[in-house]
Amino acid sequence: MAENPFDFRAPPPSPVAGGRCSCFANDEVLSEFLENSPRVPDLVLPDKVFPKHKFIENPPKIDFRELDSMGSETLPKIMDSVATIGCFQVVNYGIPGESIRSALSAAAGIFQLPPEKRATVTRSPENSYGFEEIHEEDEGEEFVWCKAKSLELAMEGIWPVGYSNFSEKMETLVSEIEKVAEKILFVFRESYPQHQVMMKGQDSIGSACYVHKHGGNVAGDKWYDVIKMLIRGIDYSHALCLHISDGSSEFHVYSKKGWVSFRPDNHALVVTVGDEIQALSGGELKHVIGRPIYKGEKEEMISMAMLYSASTTENRRAESKSEKEKEKTISLTQQAIAAIVLTLVYHVLLFVYSKF
């Protein structure tokens, strides 16, 4: 059998006489082997298992009104920020503050439902919407909203009056946010024309929104939160995630690269990139997870994270095209009514002509 060149076993002890000399002889042989062996590695353990938390300057802001005419200096800054930390901010996006406040206020009522009612609409591997299961170490609560009919029926069964009001306000707000997201997604597609791929999302339910209730006076720097966010991730495939986090003291971004935080501008939308953008960019831009932190707040706060998929854009265009085609198409009923009216008009004109 060929000799193994990487056999690091120590040689057997020399056959020496018993007594006190045996131990000294074995130690000498072992020491000589360890000193002369070039294959014994130095073991260096990392200081920490996870990357260090870094507080950074605010990421650049996009003025939504000037998105179409961004100069040659603005766009590279945005793309560099996305490549580095996975997010940027949007201001002047045109959504009325009253629409946002109204939806946040209505959302607070969801978390007032008792646990026994929530149990029927708890998230599971089969249902990715509804209430997130609460654990003792959690410092907040979460509800995932979408336009799924099954969610509407389940929630109206446990909160008939309140949910219809909340869902109506959410549909209005999400419709406005989708317009912002669609325009931003167009910029990314223009920036990566060489990597145009078919991005599939939750086309059956459209956009989904994570509604989060934050407990008062949250520390926001626990390793448990980082581990939980990275392991769980986000269940919905998406291109962009637009965060409404007015009043937050910090915004944390988690990724495989590290963990950073900054102080977001008041009333700005924080936009993080999802797995669909990562695919679109050919892996140049990485999927990240964002979370607002409310430190020192005595009262509970509500934040929202709206997930926008590329398929939502396609669905909106398809619906718009379908509506236009319906407007141009004359139904059989309309044709029959028109025929009857024309026949009556013909007979009336014929009768009038015969009289004169």
Protein backbone atom coordinates (compact mmCIF):
# COMPACT_ATOMS: atom_id res chain seq x y z
CA MET A 1 0.00 0.00 0.00
CA ALA A 2 1.31 3.47 -0.89
CA GLU A 3 2.47 5.58 1.99
CA ASN A 4 0.12 8.45 2.95
CA PRO A 5 2.13 11.71 2.72
CA PHE A 6 -0.31 13.46 5.10
CA ASP A 7 -0.14 10.95 7.93
CA PHE A 8 0.35 13.17 11.01
CA ARG A 9 0.27 10.45 13.63
CA ALA A 10 3.08 10.59 16.14
CA PRO A 11 5.66 7.77 15.91
CA PRO A 12 5.36 4.97 18.46
CA PRO A 13 7.41 5.31 21.67
CA SER A 14 10.93 3.94 21.71
CA PRO A 15 11.38 0.58 23.43
CA VAL A 16 13.17 1.83 26.53
CA ALA A 17 13.44 0.29 29.90
CA GLY A 18 10.70 0.91 32.39
CA GLY A 19 11.08 3.54 35.07
CA ARG A 20 11.37 7.32 35.20
CA CYS A 21 13.31 7.57 31.89
CA SER A 22 10.30 6.35 29.85
CA CYS A 23 8.31 9.57 30.14
CA PHE A 24 11.35 11.75 29.27
CA ALA A 25 12.16 9.68 26.19
CA ASN A 26 8.60 9.86 24.84
CA ASP A 27 8.37 13.62 25.40
CA GLU A 28 11.64 14.18 23.57
CA VAL A 29 10.49 12.25 20.50
CA LEU A 30 7.10 14.04 20.42
CA SER A 31 8.70 17.48 20.84
CA GLU A 32 11.14 16.81 18.01
CA PHE A 33 8.30 15.69 15.73
CA LEU A 34 6.19 18.80 16.44
CA GLU A 35 9.14 21.15 15.94
CA ASN A 36 10.16 19.60 12.62
CA SER A 37 6.66 19.10 11.18
CA PRO A 38 5.61 21.91 8.76
CA ARG A 39 2.02 20.66 8.64
CA VAL A 40 0.89 21.62 12.14
CA PRO A 41 -1.41 24.67 11.63
CA ASP A 42 -1.80 27.62 13.95
CA LEU A 43 -5.39 27.75 15.18
CA VAL A 44 -6.79 31.29 15.14
CA LEU A 45 -10.34 31.74 16.37
CA PRO A 46 -12.44 34.78 15.35
CA ASP A 47 -13.30 37.33 18.00
CA LYS A 48 -17.01 37.09 17.14
CA VAL A 49 -19.16 34.73 15.15
CA PHE A 50 -21.10 37.61 13.51
CA PRO A 51 -19.87 40.79 11.83
CA LYS A 52 -19.70 43.87 14.00
CA HIS A 53 -22.59 46.29 14.05
CA LYS A 54 -21.63 49.55 12.30
CA PHE A 55 -23.42 52.90 12.44
CA ILE A 56 -23.03 54.71 9.12
CA GLU A 57 -23.97 58.04 7.57
CA ASN A 58 -27.38 58.36 6.01
CA PRO A 59 -27.60 56.76 2.56
CA PRO A 60 -28.27 59.11 -0.39
CA LYS A 61 -31.76 60.42 -1.12
CA ILE A 62 -33.72 60.37 -4.37
CA ASP A 63 -36.13 63.21 -5.05
CA PHE A 64 -38.96 61.27 -6.65
CA ARG A 65 -40.05 64.31 -8.67
CA GLU A 66 -36.65 64.34 -10.38
CA LEU A 67 -36.33 60.60 -10.90
CA ASP A 68 -36.67 60.84 -14.68
CA SER A 69 -34.00 63.53 -14.95
CA MET A 70 -31.38 62.30 -12.49
CA GLY A 71 -27.98 63.66 -13.44
CA SER A 72 -24.89 61.65 -14.22
CA GLU A 73 -23.66 62.17 -10.64
CA THR A 74 -26.84 61.20 -8.76
CA LEU A 75 -27.51 57.78 -10.26
CA PRO A 76 -23.99 56.37 -9.61
CA LYS A 77 -24.28 57.47 -5.96
CA ILE A 78 -27.56 55.63 -5.61
CA MET A 79 -26.23 52.47 -7.24
CA ASP A 80 -23.08 52.61 -5.13
CA SER A 81 -25.19 52.88 -1.97
CA VAL A 82 -27.29 49.90 -3.04
CA ALA A 83 -24.18 47.87 -3.86
CA THR A 84 -22.60 48.77 -0.51
CA ILE A 85 -25.46 48.59 2.02
CA GLY A 86 -28.45 47.54 -0.09
CA CYS A 87 -30.69 50.57 0.41
CA PHE A 88 -31.37 54.26 -0.26
CA GLN A 89 -34.02 56.86 0.65
CA VAL A 90 -36.82 58.47 -1.38
CA VAL A 91 -38.34 61.87 -0.61
CA ASN A 92 -41.12 63.94 -2.21
CA TYR A 93 -42.82 60.77 -3.42
CA GLY A 94 -46.27 62.37 -3.62
CA ILE A 95 -48.24 60.19 -1.18
CA PRO A 96 -50.45 62.31 1.09
CA GLY A 97 -49.43 62.15 4.73
CA GLU A 98 -53.06 61.67 5.71
CA SER A 99 -53.23 58.41 3.72
CA ILE A 100 -50.20 57.07 5.58
CA ARG A 101 -51.39 58.18 9.02
CA SER A 102 -54.87 56.79 8.38
CA ALA A 103 -53.52 53.36 7.41
CA LEU A 104 -51.14 53.26 10.40
CA SER A 105 -53.95 54.20 12.76
CA ALA A 106 -56.26 51.51 11.37
CA ALA A 107 -53.44 48.95 11.57
CA ALA A 108 -53.09 49.47 15.32
CA GLY A 109 -56.52 47.90 15.79
CA ILE A 110 -55.35 44.57 14.38
CA PHE A 111 -53.01 43.99 17.31
CA GLN A 112 -55.81 44.55 19.82
CA LEU A 113 -57.49 41.27 18.82
CA PRO A 114 -57.26 38.60 21.57
CA PRO A 115 -54.89 35.62 21.10
CA GLU A 116 -57.73 33.12 20.69
CA LYS A 117 -59.02 34.98 17.63
CA ARG A 118 -55.54 35.47 16.17
CA ALA A 119 -54.92 31.73 16.33
CA THR A 120 -57.25 31.14 13.39
CA VAL A 121 -55.25 33.52 11.16
CA THR A 122 -51.70 32.64 12.22
CA ARG A 123 -48.98 32.28 9.61
CA SER A 124 -47.88 28.77 8.68
CA PRO A 125 -46.02 26.96 5.88
CA GLU A 126 -49.34 26.80 4.02
CA ASN A 127 -50.35 30.44 4.69
CA SER A 128 -47.70 33.16 4.41
CA TYR A 129 -50.12 35.87 5.54
CA GLY A 130 -51.75 36.67 8.88
CA PHE A 131 -50.29 36.99 12.38
CA GLU A 132 -46.70 36.00 13.17
CA GLU A 133 -46.44 33.64 16.11
CA ILE A 134 -45.26 35.49 19.23
CA HIS A 135 -42.34 34.24 21.37
CA GLU A 136 -41.27 35.39 24.83
CA GLU A 137 -38.10 37.05 23.56
CA ASP A 138 -39.94 39.06 20.87
CA GLU A 139 -40.19 42.80 21.41
CA GLY A 140 -43.01 43.39 18.94
CA GLU A 141 -45.80 41.85 16.89
CA GLU A 142 -46.25 41.36 13.16
CA PHE A 143 -49.11 40.94 10.71
CA VAL A 144 -48.70 40.25 6.98
CA TRP A 145 -51.42 41.79 4.80
CA CYS A 146 -52.16 41.03 1.17
CA LYS A 147 -55.10 41.07 -1.24
CA ALA A 148 -55.76 37.34 -0.97
CA LYS A 149 -59.47 36.54 -0.78
CA SER A 150 -58.82 33.80 1.77
CA LEU A 151 -57.23 36.33 4.16
CA GLU A 152 -60.16 38.70 3.71
CA LEU A 153 -62.68 35.97 4.56
CA ALA A 154 -60.68 34.76 7.57
CA MET A 155 -60.21 38.27 9.02
CA GLU A 156 -63.83 39.30 8.46
CA GLY A 157 -64.80 36.23 10.47
CA ILE A 158 -62.92 37.46 13.56
CA TRP A 159 -62.98 41.26 13.00
CA PRO A 160 -65.91 41.99 10.63
CA VAL A 161 -66.25 45.77 10.97
CA GLY A 162 -62.67 46.81 11.69
CA TYR A 163 -60.98 44.73 9.01
CA SER A 164 -63.01 46.08 6.10
CA ASN A 165 -62.03 49.62 7.12
CA PHE A 166 -58.37 48.66 7.56
CA SER A 167 -58.22 46.74 4.28
CA GLU A 168 -59.79 49.63 2.37
CA LYS A 169 -57.18 52.07 3.71
CA MET A 170 -54.40 49.58 2.98
CA GLU A 171 -55.50 49.11 -0.63
CA THR A 172 -55.49 52.88 -1.14
CA LEU A 173 -52.02 53.28 0.39
CA VAL A 174 -50.50 50.24 -1.34
CA SER A 175 -51.83 51.44 -4.69
CA GLU A 176 -49.95 54.73 -4.23
CA ILE A 177 -46.75 53.00 -3.09
CA GLU A 178 -46.88 50.65 -6.08
CA LYS A 179 -46.73 53.64 -8.41
CA VAL A 180 -43.55 54.82 -6.65
CA ALA A 181 -42.02 51.32 -6.71
CA GLU A 182 -42.85 50.79 -10.38
CA LYS A 183 -40.95 53.93 -11.36
CA ILE A 184 -37.94 52.98 -9.22
CA LEU A 185 -37.87 49.47 -10.68
CA PHE A 186 -37.77 50.97 -14.16
CA VAL A 187 -34.51 52.77 -13.20
CA PHE A 188 -32.93 49.46 -12.14
CA ARG A 189 -34.00 47.78 -15.35
CA GLU A 190 -32.49 50.60 -17.36
CA SER A 191 -29.26 50.30 -15.38
CA TYR A 192 -28.92 46.56 -16.04
CA PRO A 193 -30.17 45.97 -19.61
CA GLN A 194 -27.66 43.15 -20.12
CA HIS A 195 -29.21 41.07 -17.32
CA GLN A 196 -32.88 41.24 -18.27
CA VAL A 197 -34.44 38.15 -16.74
CA MET A 198 -37.97 37.04 -16.06
CA MET A 199 -38.59 37.91 -12.44
CA LYS A 200 -41.40 35.92 -10.88
CA GLY A 201 -43.19 37.06 -7.75
CA GLN A 202 -46.44 36.64 -5.89
CA ASP A 203 -48.59 37.44 -8.92
CA SER A 204 -51.65 35.76 -7.45
CA ILE A 205 -51.99 38.22 -4.57
CA GLY A 206 -50.03 41.24 -5.76
CA SER A 207 -48.04 43.27 -3.28
CA ALA A 208 -47.75 42.13 0.34
CA CYS A 209 -47.23 44.38 3.35
CA TYR A 210 -45.57 43.56 6.66
CA VAL A 211 -47.26 45.53 9.45
CA HIS A 212 -45.10 45.64 12.58
CA LYS A 213 -45.99 46.85 16.06
CA HIS A 214 -42.89 47.89 17.98
CA GLY A 215 -42.80 47.72 21.76
CA GLY A 216 -41.80 50.79 23.74
CA ASN A 217 -38.14 51.46 24.58
CA VAL A 218 -36.59 48.76 22.37
CA ALA A 219 -32.83 48.22 22.58
CA GLY A 220 -32.52 47.23 18.92
CA ASP A 221 -29.01 45.79 19.21
CA LYS A 222 -29.65 42.22 20.33
CA TRP A 223 -27.93 39.41 18.48
CA TYR A 224 -31.13 37.40 18.78
CA ASP A 225 -32.90 39.86 16.49
CA VAL A 226 -30.12 39.63 13.90
CA ILE A 227 -30.16 35.83 13.91
CA LYS A 228 -33.95 35.75 13.67
CA MET A 229 -34.06 38.20 10.77
CA LEU A 230 -31.37 36.42 8.78
CA ILE A 231 -32.79 32.93 9.33
CA ARG A 232 -36.40 33.85 8.65
CA GLY A 233 -35.72 36.38 5.92
CA ILE A 234 -38.80 37.36 3.95
CA ASP A 235 -41.19 34.75 2.63
CA TYR A 236 -42.25 36.65 -0.47
CA SER A 237 -40.03 36.95 -3.53
CA HIS A 238 -39.77 40.65 -4.33
CA ALA A 239 -37.80 43.28 -6.21
CA LEU A 240 -38.10 46.19 -3.76
CA CYS A 241 -39.22 46.70 -0.18
CA LEU A 242 -40.47 50.20 0.69
CA HIS A 243 -40.44 50.98 4.42
CA ILE A 244 -42.73 53.47 6.15
CA SER A 245 -41.01 54.15 9.46
CA ASP A 246 -41.88 57.71 10.50
CA GLY A 247 -40.49 58.57 13.92
CA SER A 248 -37.94 55.75 14.02
CA SER A 249 -34.67 56.53 15.78
CA GLU A 250 -32.62 54.11 13.66
CA PHE A 251 -32.95 51.86 10.64
CA HIS A 252 -31.05 48.55 10.62
CA VAL A 253 -30.03 46.67 7.49
CA TYR A 254 -29.10 42.99 7.74
CA SER A 255 -27.30 40.97 5.07
CA LYS A 256 -24.72 38.22 4.68
CA LYS A 257 -22.09 40.96 4.39
CA GLY A 258 -22.81 42.54 7.74
CA TRP A 259 -25.11 44.62 9.91
CA VAL A 260 -25.33 48.40 9.54
CA SER A 261 -27.65 51.09 10.87
CA PHE A 262 -28.33 54.78 10.27
CA ARG A 263 -30.77 57.50 11.26
CA PRO A 264 -33.34 57.85 8.44
CA ASP A 265 -34.67 61.23 7.36
CA ASN A 266 -38.10 62.08 8.68
CA HIS A 267 -40.96 61.20 6.26
CA ALA A 268 -38.54 59.51 3.84
CA LEU A 269 -39.24 56.08 2.36
CA VAL A 270 -36.35 53.69 2.94
CA VAL A 271 -36.03 51.33 -0.04
CA THR A 272 -34.19 48.01 0.29
CA VAL A 273 -33.51 45.61 -2.59
CA GLY A 274 -34.84 42.08 -2.81
CA ASP A 275 -33.93 38.80 -4.45
CA GLU A 276 -35.40 39.82 -7.83
CA ILE A 277 -33.07 42.84 -8.05
CA GLN A 278 -30.17 40.55 -7.12
CA ALA A 279 -31.10 38.33 -10.08
CA LEU A 280 -31.60 41.32 -12.37
CA SER A 281 -28.14 42.69 -11.56
CA GLY A 282 -26.46 39.35 -12.11
CA GLY A 283 -25.56 39.13 -8.42
CA GLU A 284 -23.89 42.54 -8.27
CA LEU A 285 -26.56 43.89 -5.91
CA LYS A 286 -27.38 41.77 -2.88
CA HIS A 287 -30.70 41.06 -1.23
CA VAL A 288 -30.94 42.67 2.23
CA ILE A 289 -33.50 42.88 5.03
CA GLY A 290 -34.41 46.19 6.68
CA ARG A 291 -36.00 46.98 10.01
CA PRO A 292 -36.78 50.29 11.78
CA ILE A 293 -35.91 50.66 15.46
CA TYR A 294 -37.78 52.89 17.92
CA LYS A 295 -35.53 53.61 20.89
CA GLY A 296 -36.77 55.45 23.94
CA GLU A 297 -40.39 55.50 22.78
CA LYS A 298 -42.80 55.06 25.66
CA GLU A 299 -45.74 54.25 23.41
CA GLU A 300 -46.06 51.47 20.87
CA MET A 301 -45.28 52.41 17.26
CA ILE A 302 -46.48 50.97 13.94
CA SER A 303 -44.30 50.58 10.84
CA MET A 304 -44.97 49.05 7.44
CA ALA A 305 -42.80 47.33 4.83
CA MET A 306 -44.42 46.95 1.42
CA LEU A 307 -42.97 44.26 -0.84
CA TYR A 308 -43.14 45.04 -4.54
CA SER A 309 -42.58 42.34 -7.15
CA ALA A 310 -41.81 42.72 -10.84
CA SER A 311 -44.87 40.61 -11.57
CA THR A 312 -47.02 43.34 -10.02
CA THR A 313 -45.89 45.69 -12.78
CA GLU A 314 -46.79 43.12 -15.42
CA ASN A 315 -50.19 42.55 -13.82
CA ARG A 316 -50.92 46.28 -13.70
CA ARG A 317 -50.05 46.63 -17.37
CA ALA A 318 -52.15 43.60 -18.28
CA GLU A 319 -55.13 44.95 -16.32
CA SER A 320 -54.75 48.36 -17.93
CA LYS A 321 -54.60 46.80 -21.40
CA SER A 322 -57.62 44.64 -20.63
CA GLU A 323 -59.62 47.66 -19.48
CA LYS A 324 -58.77 49.55 -22.66
CA GLU A 325 -59.78 46.59 -24.80
CA LYS A 326 -63.07 46.35 -22.92
CA GLU A 327 -63.70 50.02 -23.59
CA LYS A 328 -63.12 49.49 -27.31
CA THR A 329 -65.15 46.28 -27.51
CA ILE A 330 -68.91 46.47 -27.95
CA SER A 331 -70.69 43.58 -26.24
CA LEU A 332 -73.47 41.52 -27.88
CA THR A 333 -76.01 43.09 -25.56
CA GLN A 334 -74.95 46.58 -26.58
CA GLN A 335 -75.10 45.56 -30.25
CA ALA A 336 -78.63 44.16 -29.80
CA ILE A 337 -79.82 47.33 -28.07
CA ALA A 338 -78.29 49.47 -30.82
CA ALA A 339 -80.04 47.35 -33.48
CA ILE A 340 -83.41 47.74 -31.73
CA VAL A 341 -82.96 51.50 -31.37
CA LEU A 342 -81.98 51.91 -35.02
CA THR A 343 -84.97 49.81 -36.10
CA LEU A 344 -87.34 51.97 -34.06
CA VAL A 345 -85.79 55.16 -35.42
CA TYR A 346 -86.16 53.81 -38.97
CA HIS A 347 -89.86 53.04 -38.50
CA VAL A 348 -90.52 56.43 -36.90
CA LEU A 349 -88.81 58.24 -39.75
CA LEU A 350 -90.72 56.09 -42.26
CA PHE A 351 -94.03 56.92 -40.56
CA VAL A 352 -93.24 60.64 -40.51
CA TYR A 353 -92.24 60.58 -44.18
CA SER A 354 -95.45 58.81 -45.17
CA LYS A 355 -97.57 61.49 -43.48
CA PHE A 356 -95.95 64.24 -45.50
